[in-house]
């Protein structure tokens, strides 16, 4: 990869990671707002609130790390192997934060089977997870372009 191509690829990957982090934060905020108004098991609501806080925290950490990485790349100009590893690590950080959504969705689905009024909570979590996972996939694809 040429140095210009390397810089362009890492900029694209950083933009995709930033977009994913921004989406995680926005979806977590939206999810928090919605779940307060839908019928939901109290324990599952507490889990969802905690998960949203984790998502927002991780999104903030990723945004901060991206700003540091951008600053460092601005000084050196060339992406090195350490910068690529950090970028891939940020994707992993976001994936790790999103993973518990699947378990929460399973629990909400079981709750909705017992009580149909809780179906809305299941739907909003699934929709938010879908949006976040799409953005994570884009970030991972862009990061893979840097490592290629």
N, C-alpha and C. Protein backbone atom coordinates (compact mmCIF):
# COMPACT_ATOMS: atom_id res chain seq x y z
N UNK A 1 0.85 -1.18 0.00
CA UNK A 1 0.00 0.00 0.00
C UNK A 1 0.89 1.24 0.00
N UNK A 2 0.58 2.19 -0.82
CA UNK A 2 1.36 3.42 -0.85
C UNK A 2 1.09 4.22 0.40
N UNK A 3 2.03 5.14 0.70
CA UNK A 3 1.83 5.92 1.92
C UNK A 3 0.56 6.75 1.83
N UNK A 4 0.28 7.31 0.64
CA UNK A 4 -0.97 8.07 0.48
C UNK A 4 -2.18 7.17 0.64
N UNK A 5 -2.07 5.94 0.10
CA UNK A 5 -3.16 4.98 0.25
C UNK A 5 -3.33 4.55 1.69
N UNK A 6 -2.21 4.41 2.40
CA UNK A 6 -2.28 4.03 3.81
C UNK A 6 -2.95 5.11 4.64
N UNK A 7 -2.60 6.35 4.37
CA UNK A 7 -3.22 7.46 5.11
C UNK A 7 -4.72 7.54 4.80
N UNK A 8 -5.05 7.38 3.52
CA UNK A 8 -6.47 7.45 3.14
C UNK A 8 -7.27 6.31 3.78
N UNK A 9 -6.69 5.12 3.79
CA UNK A 9 -7.38 3.96 4.37
C UNK A 9 -7.57 4.13 5.87
N UNK A 10 -6.53 4.63 6.54
CA UNK A 10 -6.67 4.79 8.00
C UNK A 10 -7.64 5.92 8.32
N UNK A 11 -7.65 6.98 7.51
CA UNK A 11 -8.64 8.06 7.73
C UNK A 11 -10.06 7.53 7.55
N UNK A 12 -10.25 6.70 6.52
CA UNK A 12 -11.58 6.11 6.29
C UNK A 12 -11.97 5.20 7.45
N UNK A 13 -11.02 4.42 7.93
CA UNK A 13 -11.31 3.52 9.05
C UNK A 13 -11.60 4.30 10.32
N UNK A 14 -10.86 5.38 10.53
CA UNK A 14 -11.11 6.21 11.71
C UNK A 14 -12.48 6.88 11.61
N UNK A 15 -12.85 7.34 10.44
CA UNK A 15 -14.17 7.96 10.26
C UNK A 15 -15.28 6.94 10.50
N UNK A 16 -15.08 5.72 10.03
CA UNK A 16 -16.09 4.67 10.24
C UNK A 16 -16.20 4.31 11.72
N UNK A 17 -15.05 4.26 12.41
CA UNK A 17 -15.07 3.97 13.84
C UNK A 17 -15.75 5.10 14.61
N UNK A 18 -15.47 6.33 14.22
CA UNK A 18 -16.12 7.49 14.87
C UNK A 18 -17.63 7.45 14.64
N UNK A 19 -18.03 7.13 13.42
CA UNK A 19 -19.45 7.02 13.11
C UNK A 19 -20.11 5.93 13.95
N UNK A 20 -19.41 4.83 14.11
CA UNK A 20 -19.95 3.74 14.93
C UNK A 20 -20.09 4.17 16.38
N UNK A 21 -19.07 4.84 16.90
CA UNK A 21 -19.13 5.32 18.29
C UNK A 21 -20.25 6.33 18.47
N UNK A 22 -20.39 7.25 17.52
CA UNK A 22 -21.47 8.23 17.59
C UNK A 22 -22.84 7.55 17.55
N UNK A 23 -22.95 6.54 16.70
CA UNK A 23 -24.21 5.79 16.59
C UNK A 23 -24.50 5.03 17.87
N UNK A 24 -23.47 4.42 18.46
CA UNK A 24 -23.68 3.71 19.73
C UNK A 24 -24.21 4.66 20.79
N UNK A 25 -23.61 5.82 20.87
CA UNK A 25 -24.04 6.78 21.89
C UNK A 25 -25.46 7.25 21.63
N UNK A 26 -25.77 7.57 20.39
CA UNK A 26 -27.11 8.05 20.05
C UNK A 26 -28.16 6.97 20.27
N UNK A 27 -27.85 5.74 19.89
CA UNK A 27 -28.81 4.65 20.08
C UNK A 27 -29.00 4.34 21.56
N UNK A 28 -27.93 4.43 22.33
CA UNK A 28 -28.05 4.20 23.77
C UNK A 28 -28.94 5.27 24.40
N UNK A 29 -28.73 6.53 24.00
CA UNK A 29 -29.60 7.61 24.50
C UNK A 29 -31.05 7.38 24.10
N UNK A 30 -31.26 7.02 22.85
CA UNK A 30 -32.62 6.77 22.36
C UNK A 30 -33.25 5.60 23.11
N UNK A 31 -32.49 4.55 23.27
CA UNK A 31 -33.00 3.37 23.97
C UNK A 31 -33.38 3.71 25.41
N UNK A 32 -32.54 4.50 26.08
CA UNK A 32 -32.87 4.92 27.45
C UNK A 32 -34.19 5.68 27.49
N UNK A 33 -34.39 6.55 26.52
CA UNK A 33 -35.63 7.32 26.48
C UNK A 33 -36.85 6.47 26.23
N UNK A 34 -36.70 5.48 25.36
CA UNK A 34 -37.85 4.65 24.99
C UNK A 34 -38.20 3.66 26.09
N UNK A 35 -37.20 3.03 26.69
CA UNK A 35 -37.52 1.97 27.65
C UNK A 35 -38.17 2.49 28.92
N UNK A 36 -38.03 3.77 29.18
CA UNK A 36 -38.70 4.30 30.38
C UNK A 36 -40.20 4.33 30.20
N UNK A 37 -40.67 4.32 28.95
CA UNK A 37 -42.10 4.44 28.71
C UNK A 37 -42.79 3.17 28.25
N UNK A 38 -42.08 2.05 28.25
CA UNK A 38 -42.72 0.81 27.80
C UNK A 38 -42.79 -0.19 28.94
N UNK A 39 -43.81 -1.04 28.94
CA UNK A 39 -43.89 -2.09 29.96
C UNK A 39 -42.67 -3.01 29.84
N UNK A 40 -42.05 -3.25 31.01
CA UNK A 40 -40.82 -4.04 30.99
C UNK A 40 -40.55 -4.57 32.39
N UNK A 41 -40.09 -5.79 32.46
CA UNK A 41 -39.68 -6.37 33.72
C UNK A 41 -38.64 -5.46 34.37
N UNK A 42 -38.78 -5.22 35.66
CA UNK A 42 -37.89 -4.28 36.37
C UNK A 42 -36.43 -4.70 36.30
N UNK A 43 -36.15 -5.97 36.45
CA UNK A 43 -34.77 -6.44 36.40
C UNK A 43 -34.19 -6.26 35.00
N UNK A 44 -34.99 -6.51 33.98
CA UNK A 44 -34.52 -6.33 32.60
C UNK A 44 -34.34 -4.85 32.29
N UNK A 45 -35.19 -4.02 32.85
CA UNK A 45 -35.04 -2.58 32.65
C UNK A 45 -33.71 -2.11 33.27
N UNK A 46 -33.42 -2.60 34.46
CA UNK A 46 -32.16 -2.24 35.11
C UNK A 46 -30.97 -2.71 34.28
N UNK A 47 -31.06 -3.91 33.73
CA UNK A 47 -30.00 -4.42 32.86
C UNK A 47 -29.85 -3.54 31.62
N UNK A 48 -30.96 -3.16 31.03
CA UNK A 48 -30.92 -2.32 29.83
C UNK A 48 -30.32 -0.95 30.14
N UNK A 49 -30.68 -0.38 31.25
CA UNK A 49 -30.13 0.92 31.65
C UNK A 49 -28.62 0.81 31.86
N UNK A 50 -28.20 -0.24 32.54
CA UNK A 50 -26.77 -0.46 32.77
C UNK A 50 -26.03 -0.67 31.44
N UNK A 51 -26.62 -1.43 30.55
CA UNK A 51 -26.01 -1.67 29.25
C UNK A 51 -25.90 -0.38 28.44
N UNK A 52 -26.92 0.46 28.51
CA UNK A 52 -26.87 1.74 27.80
C UNK A 52 -25.75 2.62 28.37
N UNK A 53 -25.58 2.59 29.66
CA UNK A 53 -24.49 3.36 30.27
C UNK A 53 -23.13 2.84 29.79
N UNK A 54 -23.00 1.53 29.70
CA UNK A 54 -21.77 0.93 29.20
C UNK A 54 -21.53 1.32 27.75
N UNK A 55 -22.57 1.28 26.94
CA UNK A 55 -22.43 1.66 25.53
C UNK A 55 -21.97 3.10 25.39
N UNK A 56 -22.58 3.98 26.17
CA UNK A 56 -22.20 5.39 26.12
C UNK A 56 -20.76 5.59 26.59
N UNK A 57 -20.37 4.89 27.64
CA UNK A 57 -19.00 4.98 28.15
C UNK A 57 -18.01 4.51 27.09
N UNK A 58 -18.26 3.37 26.50
CA UNK A 58 -17.35 2.83 25.48
C UNK A 58 -17.29 3.74 24.27
N UNK A 59 -18.42 4.29 23.88
CA UNK A 59 -18.43 5.21 22.74
C UNK A 59 -17.57 6.43 23.04
N UNK A 60 -17.67 6.93 24.25
CA UNK A 60 -16.84 8.07 24.65
C UNK A 60 -15.36 7.73 24.66
N UNK A 61 -15.04 6.54 25.14
CA UNK A 61 -13.63 6.11 25.15
C UNK A 61 -13.08 5.99 23.73
N UNK A 62 -13.89 5.41 22.85
CA UNK A 62 -13.46 5.25 21.46
C UNK A 62 -13.25 6.62 20.82
N UNK A 63 -14.16 7.53 21.04
CA UNK A 63 -14.03 8.88 20.48
C UNK A 63 -12.75 9.54 20.99
N UNK A 64 -12.47 9.40 22.27
CA UNK A 64 -11.26 9.97 22.85
C UNK A 64 -10.01 9.33 22.23
N UNK A 65 -10.00 8.02 22.13
CA UNK A 65 -8.84 7.33 21.55
C UNK A 65 -8.64 7.70 20.08
N UNK A 66 -9.74 7.90 19.37
CA UNK A 66 -9.63 8.32 17.97
C UNK A 66 -9.02 9.72 17.87
N UNK A 67 -9.38 10.59 18.79
CA UNK A 67 -8.80 11.94 18.79
C UNK A 67 -7.30 11.88 19.06
N UNK A 68 -6.89 11.02 20.00
CA UNK A 68 -5.47 10.84 20.27
C UNK A 68 -4.74 10.28 19.05
N UNK A 69 -5.35 9.28 18.44
CA UNK A 69 -4.73 8.66 17.28
C UNK A 69 -4.61 9.66 16.13
N UNK A 70 -5.63 10.46 15.94
CA UNK A 70 -5.59 11.48 14.89
C UNK A 70 -4.46 12.47 15.14
N UNK A 71 -4.31 12.88 16.38
CA UNK A 71 -3.25 13.81 16.75
C UNK A 71 -1.87 13.19 16.49
N UNK A 72 -1.71 11.94 16.89
CA UNK A 72 -0.43 11.26 16.70
C UNK A 72 -0.13 11.09 15.21
N UNK A 73 -1.13 10.74 14.43
CA UNK A 73 -0.92 10.58 13.00
C UNK A 73 -0.63 11.91 12.33
N UNK A 74 -1.20 12.97 12.88
CA UNK A 74 -0.93 14.30 12.34
C UNK A 74 0.53 14.69 12.51
N UNK A 75 1.13 14.20 13.57
CA UNK A 75 2.55 14.50 13.83
C UNK A 75 3.47 13.65 12.97
N UNK A 76 3.15 12.36 12.88
CA UNK A 76 4.04 11.46 12.14
C UNK A 76 3.67 11.38 10.67
N UNK A 77 2.40 11.55 10.37
CA UNK A 77 1.96 11.52 8.98
C UNK A 77 1.74 10.13 8.42
N UNK A 78 2.43 9.14 8.92
CA UNK A 78 2.33 7.79 8.38
C UNK A 78 1.71 6.84 9.40
N UNK A 79 0.69 6.09 8.98
CA UNK A 79 0.15 5.08 9.89
C UNK A 79 1.14 3.93 10.02
N UNK A 80 1.42 3.54 11.24
CA UNK A 80 2.31 2.41 11.46
C UNK A 80 1.51 1.23 12.00
N UNK A 81 2.19 0.12 12.22
CA UNK A 81 1.51 -1.08 12.69
C UNK A 81 0.82 -0.86 14.03
N UNK A 82 1.42 -0.05 14.90
CA UNK A 82 0.81 0.22 16.21
C UNK A 82 -0.50 0.99 16.04
N UNK A 83 -0.53 1.93 15.11
CA UNK A 83 -1.75 2.70 14.87
C UNK A 83 -2.86 1.79 14.34
N UNK A 84 -2.49 0.89 13.47
CA UNK A 84 -3.48 -0.06 12.91
C UNK A 84 -4.01 -0.96 14.01
N UNK A 85 -3.11 -1.45 14.87
CA UNK A 85 -3.56 -2.31 15.99
C UNK A 85 -4.51 -1.56 16.91
N UNK A 86 -4.19 -0.30 17.19
CA UNK A 86 -5.07 0.50 18.05
C UNK A 86 -6.44 0.66 17.42
N UNK A 87 -6.46 0.90 16.13
CA UNK A 87 -7.73 1.07 15.43
C UNK A 87 -8.56 -0.21 15.47
N UNK A 88 -7.92 -1.33 15.21
CA UNK A 88 -8.61 -2.62 15.27
C UNK A 88 -9.08 -2.88 16.71
N UNK A 89 -8.27 -2.48 17.68
CA UNK A 89 -8.64 -2.63 19.09
C UNK A 89 -9.88 -1.82 19.45
N UNK A 90 -10.02 -0.65 18.83
CA UNK A 90 -11.21 0.17 19.09
C UNK A 90 -12.46 -0.53 18.56
N UNK A 91 -12.35 -1.16 17.41
CA UNK A 91 -13.47 -1.93 16.89
C UNK A 91 -13.83 -3.06 17.85
N UNK A 92 -12.81 -3.72 18.38
CA UNK A 92 -13.04 -4.80 19.34
C UNK A 92 -13.70 -4.28 20.61
N UNK A 93 -13.31 -3.10 21.04
CA UNK A 93 -13.91 -2.49 22.22
C UNK A 93 -15.41 -2.26 22.01
N UNK A 94 -15.75 -1.78 20.83
CA UNK A 94 -17.17 -1.54 20.53
C UNK A 94 -17.93 -2.85 20.41
N UNK A 95 -17.31 -3.85 19.80
CA UNK A 95 -17.97 -5.14 19.65
C UNK A 95 -18.23 -5.76 21.03
N UNK A 96 -17.25 -5.64 21.91
CA UNK A 96 -17.39 -6.17 23.27
C UNK A 96 -18.55 -5.50 24.01
N UNK A 97 -18.71 -4.20 23.79
CA UNK A 97 -19.81 -3.48 24.44
C UNK A 97 -21.16 -3.88 23.88
N UNK A 98 -21.19 -4.21 22.58
CA UNK A 98 -22.46 -4.56 21.95
C UNK A 98 -22.88 -6.00 22.22
N UNK A 99 -21.95 -6.88 22.50
CA UNK A 99 -22.26 -8.30 22.68
C UNK A 99 -23.37 -8.58 23.69
N UNK A 100 -23.42 -7.91 24.84
CA UNK A 100 -24.49 -8.20 25.80
C UNK A 100 -25.90 -7.87 25.30
N UNK A 101 -26.00 -7.09 24.23
CA UNK A 101 -27.33 -6.79 23.68
C UNK A 101 -28.04 -8.05 23.22
N UNK A 102 -27.31 -9.01 22.70
CA UNK A 102 -27.92 -10.26 22.24
C UNK A 102 -28.56 -11.01 23.41
N UNK A 103 -27.84 -11.08 24.52
CA UNK A 103 -28.39 -11.75 25.70
C UNK A 103 -29.61 -11.02 26.23
N UNK A 104 -29.53 -9.69 26.28
CA UNK A 104 -30.69 -8.90 26.72
C UNK A 104 -31.87 -9.13 25.80
N UNK A 105 -31.62 -9.14 24.50
CA UNK A 105 -32.71 -9.37 23.55
C UNK A 105 -33.35 -10.74 23.77
N UNK A 106 -32.54 -11.76 24.04
CA UNK A 106 -33.07 -13.10 24.31
C UNK A 106 -33.96 -13.08 25.55
N UNK A 107 -33.50 -12.41 26.59
CA UNK A 107 -34.27 -12.34 27.83
C UNK A 107 -35.58 -11.57 27.61
N UNK A 108 -35.50 -10.49 26.83
CA UNK A 108 -36.71 -9.71 26.54
C UNK A 108 -37.69 -10.50 25.68
N UNK A 109 -37.15 -11.30 24.78
CA UNK A 109 -38.03 -12.14 23.96
C UNK A 109 -38.78 -13.14 24.83
N UNK A 110 -38.07 -13.76 25.77
CA UNK A 110 -38.74 -14.70 26.68
C UNK A 110 -39.79 -13.99 27.53
N UNK A 111 -39.46 -12.78 27.98
CA UNK A 111 -40.41 -12.00 28.78
C UNK A 111 -41.64 -11.66 27.94
N UNK A 112 -41.43 -11.33 26.68
CA UNK A 112 -42.55 -10.99 25.79
C UNK A 112 -43.42 -12.20 25.50
N UNK A 113 -42.83 -13.38 25.47
CA UNK A 113 -43.61 -14.60 25.28
C UNK A 113 -44.53 -14.86 26.47
N UNK A 114 -44.05 -14.49 27.67
CA UNK A 114 -44.87 -14.65 28.87
C UNK A 114 -45.90 -13.53 29.00
N UNK A 115 -45.51 -12.32 28.57
CA UNK A 115 -46.38 -11.15 28.71
C UNK A 115 -46.27 -10.31 27.43
N UNK A 116 -47.25 -10.42 26.55
CA UNK A 116 -47.19 -9.72 25.26
C UNK A 116 -47.02 -8.19 25.38
N UNK A 117 -47.38 -7.62 26.52
CA UNK A 117 -47.19 -6.18 26.68
C UNK A 117 -45.71 -5.79 26.67
N UNK A 118 -44.85 -6.75 26.95
CA UNK A 118 -43.42 -6.46 26.99
C UNK A 118 -42.75 -6.60 25.61
N UNK A 119 -43.54 -6.89 24.61
CA UNK A 119 -42.97 -7.06 23.27
C UNK A 119 -42.33 -5.78 22.75
N UNK A 120 -42.89 -4.64 23.07
CA UNK A 120 -42.33 -3.38 22.59
C UNK A 120 -40.90 -3.19 23.09
N UNK A 121 -40.62 -3.58 24.31
CA UNK A 121 -39.25 -3.47 24.84
C UNK A 121 -38.30 -4.34 24.02
N UNK A 122 -38.74 -5.54 23.69
CA UNK A 122 -37.94 -6.44 22.86
C UNK A 122 -37.67 -5.80 21.50
N UNK A 123 -38.69 -5.25 20.89
CA UNK A 123 -38.55 -4.66 19.56
C UNK A 123 -37.58 -3.48 19.56
N UNK A 124 -37.69 -2.60 20.54
CA UNK A 124 -36.80 -1.42 20.54
C UNK A 124 -35.34 -1.83 20.76
N UNK A 125 -35.11 -2.84 21.57
CA UNK A 125 -33.74 -3.30 21.79
C UNK A 125 -33.19 -3.94 20.52
N UNK A 126 -34.00 -4.76 19.86
CA UNK A 126 -33.57 -5.41 18.61
C UNK A 126 -33.28 -4.36 17.54
N UNK A 127 -34.15 -3.37 17.42
CA UNK A 127 -33.93 -2.32 16.41
C UNK A 127 -32.65 -1.54 16.70
N UNK A 128 -32.44 -1.16 17.94
CA UNK A 128 -31.22 -0.42 18.30
C UNK A 128 -29.98 -1.28 18.06
N UNK A 129 -30.05 -2.54 18.43
CA UNK A 129 -28.92 -3.44 18.22
C UNK A 129 -28.61 -3.57 16.73
N UNK A 130 -29.65 -3.68 15.92
CA UNK A 130 -29.44 -3.80 14.48
C UNK A 130 -28.72 -2.59 13.90
N UNK A 131 -29.12 -1.41 14.30
CA UNK A 131 -28.48 -0.19 13.82
C UNK A 131 -27.02 -0.15 14.25
N UNK A 132 -26.78 -0.45 15.51
CA UNK A 132 -25.40 -0.40 16.03
C UNK A 132 -24.52 -1.46 15.35
N UNK A 133 -25.06 -2.64 15.13
CA UNK A 133 -24.27 -3.70 14.50
C UNK A 133 -23.95 -3.37 13.05
N UNK A 134 -24.86 -2.70 12.36
CA UNK A 134 -24.57 -2.28 10.98
C UNK A 134 -23.39 -1.32 10.94
N UNK A 135 -23.38 -0.37 11.86
CA UNK A 135 -22.29 0.59 11.91
C UNK A 135 -20.98 -0.07 12.35
N UNK A 136 -21.08 -1.03 13.26
CA UNK A 136 -19.88 -1.76 13.67
C UNK A 136 -19.32 -2.56 12.49
N UNK A 137 -20.18 -3.15 11.70
CA UNK A 137 -19.73 -3.91 10.54
C UNK A 137 -18.99 -3.00 9.56
N UNK A 138 -19.51 -1.80 9.36
CA UNK A 138 -18.84 -0.83 8.48
C UNK A 138 -17.46 -0.46 9.04
N UNK A 139 -17.38 -0.26 10.35
CA UNK A 139 -16.10 0.09 10.96
C UNK A 139 -15.11 -1.06 10.83
N UNK A 140 -15.57 -2.26 11.05
CA UNK A 140 -14.68 -3.41 10.94
C UNK A 140 -14.22 -3.62 9.51
N UNK A 141 -15.10 -3.41 8.56
CA UNK A 141 -14.73 -3.54 7.15
C UNK A 141 -13.68 -2.49 6.77
N UNK A 142 -13.88 -1.26 7.24
CA UNK A 142 -12.91 -0.21 6.95
C UNK A 142 -11.57 -0.50 7.60
N UNK A 143 -11.58 -1.02 8.82
CA UNK A 143 -10.33 -1.36 9.50
C UNK A 143 -9.63 -2.51 8.77
N UNK A 144 -10.40 -3.43 8.25
CA UNK A 144 -9.81 -4.54 7.49
C UNK A 144 -9.12 -4.00 6.23
N UNK A 145 -9.63 -2.91 5.67
CA UNK A 145 -8.99 -2.30 4.52
C UNK A 145 -7.63 -1.71 4.85
N UNK A 146 -7.43 -1.34 6.09
CA UNK A 146 -6.14 -0.78 6.52
C UNK A 146 -5.14 -1.91 6.69
N UNK A 147 -5.61 -3.04 7.20
CA UNK A 147 -4.70 -4.14 7.50
C UNK A 147 -4.38 -4.96 6.26
N UNK A 148 -5.12 -4.75 5.17
CA UNK A 148 -4.89 -5.52 3.93
C UNK A 148 -3.62 -5.12 3.23
